[in-house]
PDB file of N, CA and C in Angstrom:
ATOM      1  N   MET A   1       4.589  -1.643  13.432  1.00  0.00           N
ATOM      2  CA  MET A   1       4.985  -0.737  12.461  1.00  0.00           C
ATOM      3  C   MET A   1       4.243   0.533  12.302  1.00  0.00           C
ATOM      4  N   THR A   2       4.339   1.689  12.460  1.00  0.00           N
ATOM      5  CA  THR A   2       3.619   2.594  12.313  1.00  0.00           C
ATOM      6  C   THR A   2       3.639   3.023  10.833  1.00  0.00           C
ATOM      7  N   LYS A   3       2.614   3.966  10.564  1.00  0.00           N
ATOM      8  CA  LYS A   3       2.503   4.190   9.052  1.00  0.00           C
ATOM      9  C   LYS A   3       3.653   4.855   8.610  1.00  0.00           C
ATOM     10  N   ASN A   4       4.408   5.739   9.364  1.00  0.00           N
ATOM     11  CA  ASN A   4       5.481   6.431   9.183  1.00  0.00           C
ATOM     12  C   ASN A   4       6.725   5.596   8.862  1.00  0.00           C
ATOM     13  N   GLU A   5       6.932   4.404   9.554  1.00  0.00           N
ATOM     14  CA  GLU A   5       7.719   3.389   9.106  1.00  0.00           C
ATOM     15  C   GLU A   5       7.713   2.675   8.274  1.00  0.00           C
ATOM     16  N   GLN A   6       6.436   2.464   7.841  1.00  0.00           N
ATOM     17  CA  GLN A   6       6.221   1.431   6.593  1.00  0.00           C
ATOM     18  C   GLN A   6       6.771   1.731   5.434  1.00  0.00           C
ATOM     19  N   SER A   7       7.321   0.715   4.689  1.00  0.00           N
ATOM     20  CA  SER A   7       7.712   1.167   3.377  1.00  0.00           C
ATOM     21  C   SER A   7       6.897   0.725   2.305  1.00  0.00           C
ATOM     22  N   TYR A   8       6.954   1.049   1.158  1.00  0.00           N
ATOM     23  CA  TYR A   8       6.226   0.906  -0.132  1.00  0.00           C
ATOM     24  C   TYR A   8       6.258  -0.716  -0.306  1.00  0.00           C
ATOM     25  N   VAL A   9       7.201  -1.247  -0.311  1.00  0.00           N
ATOM     26  CA  VAL A   9       7.557  -2.658  -0.204  1.00  0.00           C
ATOM     27  C   VAL A   9       6.662  -3.576   0.658  1.00  0.00           C
ATOM     28  N   SER A  10       6.769  -3.282   2.119  1.00  0.00           N
ATOM     29  CA  SER A  10       6.110  -4.008   2.741  1.00  0.00           C
ATOM     30  C   SER A  10       4.459  -3.544   2.750  1.00  0.00           C
ATOM     31  N   ALA A  11       4.082  -2.614   2.412  1.00  0.00           N
ATOM     32  CA  ALA A  11       2.899  -2.399   2.199  1.00  0.00           C
ATOM     33  C   ALA A  11       2.151  -3.322   0.754  1.00  0.00           C
ATOM     34  N   ILE A  12       3.001  -3.092  -0.180  1.00  0.00           N
ATOM     35  CA  ILE A  12       2.549  -4.214  -1.501  1.00  0.00           C
ATOM     36  C   ILE A  12       2.404  -5.454  -0.847  1.00  0.00           C
ATOM     37  N   SER A  13       3.458  -5.903  -0.265  1.00  0.00           N
ATOM     38  CA  SER A  13       3.606  -7.401   0.390  1.00  0.00           C
ATOM     39  C   SER A  13       2.319  -7.661   1.045  1.00  0.00           C
ATOM     40  N   GLU A  14       2.011  -6.691   1.897  1.00  0.00           N
ATOM     41  CA  GLU A  14       0.712  -6.771   2.952  1.00  0.00           C
ATOM     42  C   GLU A  14      -0.568  -7.021   2.181  1.00  0.00           C
ATOM     43  N   ILE A  15      -0.553  -6.025   0.993  1.00  0.00           N
ATOM     44  CA  ILE A  15      -1.755  -6.105   0.113  1.00  0.00           C
ATOM     45  C   ILE A  15      -1.908  -7.357  -0.530  1.00  0.00           C
ATOM     46  N   GLU A  16      -0.679  -7.947  -1.112  1.00  0.00           N
ATOM     47  CA  GLU A  16      -0.736  -9.084  -1.711  1.00  0.00           C
ATOM     48  C   GLU A  16      -1.243 -10.369  -0.962  1.00  0.00           C
ATOM     49  N   GLU A  17      -0.695 -10.380   0.393  1.00  0.00           N
ATOM     50  CA  GLU A  17      -1.200 -11.415   1.424  1.00  0.00           C
ATOM     51  C   GLU A  17      -2.702 -11.152   1.608  1.00  0.00           C
ATOM     52  N   ILE A  18      -3.233 -10.169   1.791  1.00  0.00           N
ATOM     53  CA  ILE A  18      -4.459  -9.957   1.875  1.00  0.00           C
ATOM     54  C   ILE A  18      -5.487 -10.488   0.680  1.00  0.00           C
ATOM     55  N   LEU A  19      -4.948 -10.122  -0.600  1.00  0.00           N
ATOM     56  CA  LEU A  19      -5.661 -10.590  -1.669  1.00  0.00           C
ATOM     57  C   LEU A  19      -5.737 -12.059  -1.862  1.00  0.00           C
ATOM     58  N   ARG A  20      -4.289 -12.622  -1.517  1.00  0.00           N
ATOM     59  CA  ARG A  20      -4.401 -14.273  -1.402  1.00  0.00           C
ATOM     60  C   ARG A  20      -5.432 -14.714  -0.476  1.00  0.00           C
ATOM     61  N   SER A  21      -5.462 -14.059   0.595  1.00  0.00           N
ATOM     62  CA  SER A  21      -6.270 -14.858   1.567  1.00  0.00           C
ATOM     63  C   SER A  21      -8.009 -14.377   1.198  1.00  0.00           C
ATOM     64  N   LEU A  22      -8.362 -13.509   0.320  1.00  0.00           N
ATOM     65  CA  LEU A  22      -9.151 -13.344   0.019  1.00  0.00           C
ATOM     66  C   LEU A  22      -9.840 -14.268  -1.309  1.00  0.00           C
ATOM     67  N   ASP A  23      -8.519 -14.500  -1.757  1.00  0.00           N
ATOM     68  CA  ASP A  23      -8.948 -15.278  -3.161  1.00  0.00           C
ATOM     69  C   ASP A  23      -8.935 -16.895  -2.926  1.00  0.00           C
ATOM     70  N   THR A  24      -9.281 -17.401  -1.640  1.00  0.00           N
ATOM     71  CA  THR A  24      -9.553 -18.550  -1.422  1.00  0.00           C
ATOM     72  C   THR A  24     -11.171 -18.953  -1.297  1.00  0.00           C
ATOM     73  N   GLU A  25     -11.531 -20.257  -1.184  1.00  0.00           N
ATOM     74  CA  GLU A  25     -12.685 -20.320  -1.245  1.00  0.00           C
ATOM     75  C   GLU A  25     -13.097 -20.400   0.236  1.00  0.00           C
ATOM     76  N   ASN A  26     -12.096 -20.447   1.109  1.00  0.00           N
ATOM     77  CA  ASN A  26     -12.589 -20.190   2.617  1.00  0.00           C
ATOM     78  C   ASN A  26     -12.164 -18.833   3.039  1.00  0.00           C
ATOM     79  N   VAL A  27     -12.794 -17.888   2.626  1.00  0.00           N
ATOM     80  CA  VAL A  27     -12.708 -16.412   3.335  1.00  0.00           C
ATOM     81  C   VAL A  27     -13.377 -16.411   4.525  1.00  0.00           C
ATOM     82  N   ASP A  28     -12.692 -15.648   5.539  1.00  0.00           N
ATOM     83  CA  ASP A  28     -13.168 -15.802   7.060  1.00  0.00           C
ATOM     84  C   ASP A  28     -13.972 -14.537   6.853  1.00  0.00           C
ATOM     85  N   ILE A  29     -15.350 -14.805   6.650  1.00  0.00           N
ATOM     86  CA  ILE A  29     -16.643 -13.626   6.744  1.00  0.00           C
ATOM     87  C   ILE A  29     -16.181 -12.694   8.048  1.00  0.00           C
ATOM     88  N   ASP A  30     -15.807 -13.351   9.029  1.00  0.00           N
ATOM     89  CA  ASP A  30     -15.663 -12.302  10.261  1.00  0.00           C
ATOM     90  C   ASP A  30     -14.513 -11.410  10.154  1.00  0.00           C
ATOM     91  N   ARG A  31     -13.418 -11.574   9.406  1.00  0.00           N
ATOM     92  CA  ARG A  31     -12.499 -10.669   9.008  1.00  0.00           C
ATOM     93  C   ARG A  31     -12.491 -10.221   7.725  1.00  0.00           C
ATOM     94  N   LEU A  32     -13.627 -10.426   6.898  1.00  0.00           N
ATOM     95  CA  LEU A  32     -13.639  -9.556   5.705  1.00  0.00           C
ATOM     96  C   LEU A  32     -13.458  -8.137   5.474  1.00  0.00           C
ATOM     97  N   ALA A  33     -14.354  -7.717   6.506  1.00  0.00           N
ATOM     98  CA  ALA A  33     -14.527  -6.123   6.490  1.00  0.00           C
ATOM     99  C   ALA A  33     -13.057  -5.610   6.917  1.00  0.00           C
ATOM    100  N   THR A  34     -12.626  -6.059   8.019  1.00  0.00           N
ATOM    101  CA  THR A  34     -11.363  -5.662   8.244  1.00  0.00           C
ATOM    102  C   THR A  34     -10.241  -5.820   7.409  1.00  0.00           C
ATOM    103  N   ASP A  35     -10.172  -6.888   6.795  1.00  0.00           N
ATOM    104  CA  ASP A  35      -9.102  -7.107   5.605  1.00  0.00           C
ATOM    105  C   ASP A  35      -9.146  -6.102   4.519  1.00  0.00           C
ATOM    106  N   VAL A  36     -10.509  -5.742   3.984  1.00  0.00           N
ATOM    107  CA  VAL A  36     -10.841  -4.967   3.218  1.00  0.00           C
ATOM    108  C   VAL A  36     -10.455  -3.369   3.525  1.00  0.00           C
ATOM    109  N   GLN A  37     -10.709  -3.087   4.604  1.00  0.00           N
ATOM    110  CA  GLN A  37     -10.375  -1.659   5.105  1.00  0.00           C
ATOM    111  C   GLN A  37      -8.708  -1.699   5.326  1.00  0.00           C
ATOM    112  N   LYS A  38      -8.277  -2.501   5.857  1.00  0.00           N
ATOM    113  CA  LYS A  38      -6.813  -2.555   5.866  1.00  0.00           C
ATOM    114  C   LYS A  38      -6.002  -2.619   4.543  1.00  0.00           C
ATOM    115  N   ALA A  39      -6.702  -3.156   3.479  1.00  0.00           N
ATOM    116  CA  ALA A  39      -5.941  -3.336   2.205  1.00  0.00           C
ATOM    117  C   ALA A  39      -6.307  -1.749   1.603  1.00  0.00           C
ATOM    118  N   ALA A  40      -7.584  -1.294   1.987  1.00  0.00           N
ATOM    119  CA  ALA A  40      -7.760   0.186   1.410  1.00  0.00           C
ATOM    120  C   ALA A  40      -6.862   1.347   1.886  1.00  0.00           C
ATOM    121  N   GLU A  41      -6.331   1.007   3.294  1.00  0.00           N
ATOM    122  CA  GLU A  41      -5.563   1.810   3.832  1.00  0.00           C
ATOM    123  C   GLU A  41      -4.077   1.713   3.395  1.00  0.00           C
ATOM    124  N   LEU A  42      -3.692   0.617   3.046  1.00  0.00           N
ATOM    125  CA  LEU A  42      -2.379   0.283   2.269  1.00  0.00           C
ATOM    126  C   LEU A  42      -2.611   0.977   0.909  1.00  0.00           C
ATOM    127  N   ILE A  43      -3.207   0.770   0.217  1.00  0.00           N
ATOM    128  CA  ILE A  43      -3.542   1.294  -0.915  1.00  0.00           C
ATOM    129  C   ILE A  43      -3.359   2.744  -1.109  1.00  0.00           C
ATOM    130  N   ALA A  44      -3.948   3.234   0.016  1.00  0.00           N
ATOM    131  CA  ALA A  44      -3.989   4.919  -0.242  1.00  0.00           C
ATOM    132  C   ALA A  44      -2.592   5.292   0.181  1.00  0.00           C
ATOM    133  N   PHE A  45      -1.769   4.326   1.166  1.00  0.00           N
ATOM    134  CA  PHE A  45      -0.550   4.806   1.572  1.00  0.00           C
ATOM    135  C   PHE A  45       0.408   4.512   0.450  1.00  0.00           C
ATOM    136  N   CYS A  46       0.189   3.742  -0.426  1.00  0.00           N
ATOM    137  CA  CYS A  46       1.108   3.433  -1.505  1.00  0.00           C
ATOM    138  C   CYS A  46       0.779   4.737  -2.617  1.00  0.00           C
ATOM    139  N   ARG A  47      -0.302   4.963  -2.972  1.00  0.00           N
ATOM    140  CA  ARG A  47      -0.544   6.034  -3.817  1.00  0.00           C
ATOM    141  C   ARG A  47       0.004   7.359  -3.143  1.00  0.00           C
ATOM    142  N   ASP A  48      -0.016   7.621  -2.109  1.00  0.00           N
ATOM    143  CA  ASP A  48       0.942   8.793  -1.609  1.00  0.00           C
ATOM    144  C   ASP A  48       2.157   8.875  -1.564  1.00  0.00           C
ATOM    145  N   ARG A  49       2.552   7.427  -1.236  1.00  0.00           N
ATOM    146  CA  ARG A  49       4.200   7.305  -1.547  1.00  0.00           C
ATOM    147  C   ARG A  49       4.658   7.573  -2.736  1.00  0.00           C
ATOM    148  N   LEU A  50       3.827   6.788  -3.987  1.00  0.00           N
ATOM    149  CA  LEU A  50       4.147   7.114  -5.227  1.00  0.00           C
ATOM    150  C   LEU A  50       4.204   8.638  -5.725  1.00  0.00           C
ATOM    151  N   ALA A  51       3.009   9.290  -5.250  1.00  0.00           N
ATOM    152  CA  ALA A  51       2.905  10.620  -5.597  1.00  0.00           C
ATOM    153  C   ALA A  51       4.139  11.652  -5.042  1.00  0.00           C
ATOM    154  N   SER A  52       4.444  11.229  -3.808  1.00  0.00           N
ATOM    155  CA  SER A  52       5.495  12.278  -3.436  1.00  0.00           C
ATOM    156  C   SER A  52       6.895  11.726  -4.077  1.00  0.00           C
ATOM    157  N   THR A  53       7.233  10.494  -4.285  1.00  0.00           N
ATOM    158  CA  THR A  53       8.295  10.054  -4.611  1.00  0.00           C
ATOM    159  C   THR A  53       8.376  10.817  -6.090  1.00  0.00           C
ATOM    160  N   GLN A  54       7.244  10.754  -7.003  1.00  0.00           N
ATOM    161  CA  GLN A  54       7.205  11.281  -8.212  1.00  0.00           C
ATOM    162  C   GLN A  54       7.565  12.902  -8.228  1.00  0.00           C
ATOM    163  N   THR A  55       7.083  13.687  -7.191  1.00  0.00           N
ATOM    164  CA  THR A  55       7.389  14.833  -7.098  1.00  0.00           C
ATOM    165  C   THR A  55       8.748  15.069  -6.747  1.00  0.00           C
ATOM    166  N   GLU A  56       9.205  14.320  -5.912  1.00  0.00           N
ATOM    167  CA  GLU A  56      10.719  14.570  -5.658  1.00  0.00           C
ATOM    168  C   GLU A  56      11.733  14.341  -6.921  1.00  0.00           C
ATOM    169  N   VAL A  57      11.295  13.063  -7.642  1.00  0.00           N
ATOM    170  CA  VAL A  57      12.308  12.891  -8.752  1.00  0.00           C
ATOM    171  C   VAL A  57      12.174  14.129  -9.707  1.00  0.00           C
ATOM    172  N   GLU A  58      10.843  14.516  -9.970  1.00  0.00           N
ATOM    173  CA  GLU A  58      10.702  15.733 -10.991  1.00  0.00           C
ATOM    174  C   GLU A  58      11.427  16.878 -10.298  1.00  0.00           C
ATOM    175  N   ARG A  59      11.571  17.161  -8.985  1.00  0.00           N
ATOM    176  CA  ARG A  59      12.259  18.103  -8.480  1.00  0.00           C
ATOM    177  C   ARG A  59      13.957  17.964  -8.688  1.00  0.00           C
ATOM    178  N   ILE A  60      14.098  16.936  -8.500  1.00  0.00           N
ATOM    179  CA  ILE A  60      15.483  16.449  -8.769  1.00  0.00           C
ATOM    180  C   ILE A  60      15.942  16.560 -10.268  1.00  0.00           C
ATOM    181  N   VAL A  61      15.011  16.145 -10.943  1.00  0.00           N
ATOM    182  CA  VAL A  61      15.231  16.294 -12.301  1.00  0.00           C
ATOM    183  C   VAL A  61      15.355  17.740 -12.996  1.00  0.00           C
ATOM    184  N   SER A  62      14.430  18.529 -12.430  1.00  0.00           N
ATOM    185  CA  SER A  62      14.295  19.693 -13.059  1.00  0.00           C
ATOM    186  C   SER A  62      15.251  20.686 -12.610  1.00  0.00           C
ATOM    187  N   SER A  63      16.193  20.222 -11.557  1.00  0.00           N
ATOM    188  CA  SER A  63      17.359  20.874 -11.012  1.00  0.00           C
ATOM    189  C   SER A  63      18.448  21.060 -12.044  1.00  0.00           C
ATOM    190  N   PHE A  64      18.451  19.872 -12.906  1.00  0.00           N
ATOM    191  CA  PHE A  64      19.353  19.865 -14.006  1.00  0.00           C
ATOM    192  C   PHE A  64      19.181  20.476 -15.152  1.00  0.00           C
ATOM    193  N   ASP A  65      18.097  21.390 -15.411  1.00  0.00           N
ATOM    194  CA  ASP A  65      17.722  22.307 -16.618  1.00  0.00           C
ATOM    195  C   ASP A  65      18.454  23.302 -16.473  1.00  0.00           C
TER     196      ASP A  65
END
């Protein structure tokens, strides 16, 4: 799935999955940096999606004024 096809819900699910894997006593040290990097990218995607949605909602609501 490319970044453009990623949904907010699937990104949140993937972040939660990464967090669950990091919350165990058996953290795979060889994957730790990769997992943290992926989580950071997903968080940035979610923040961007929230910001663009907020802008769109504000535009829609202001059209009623």
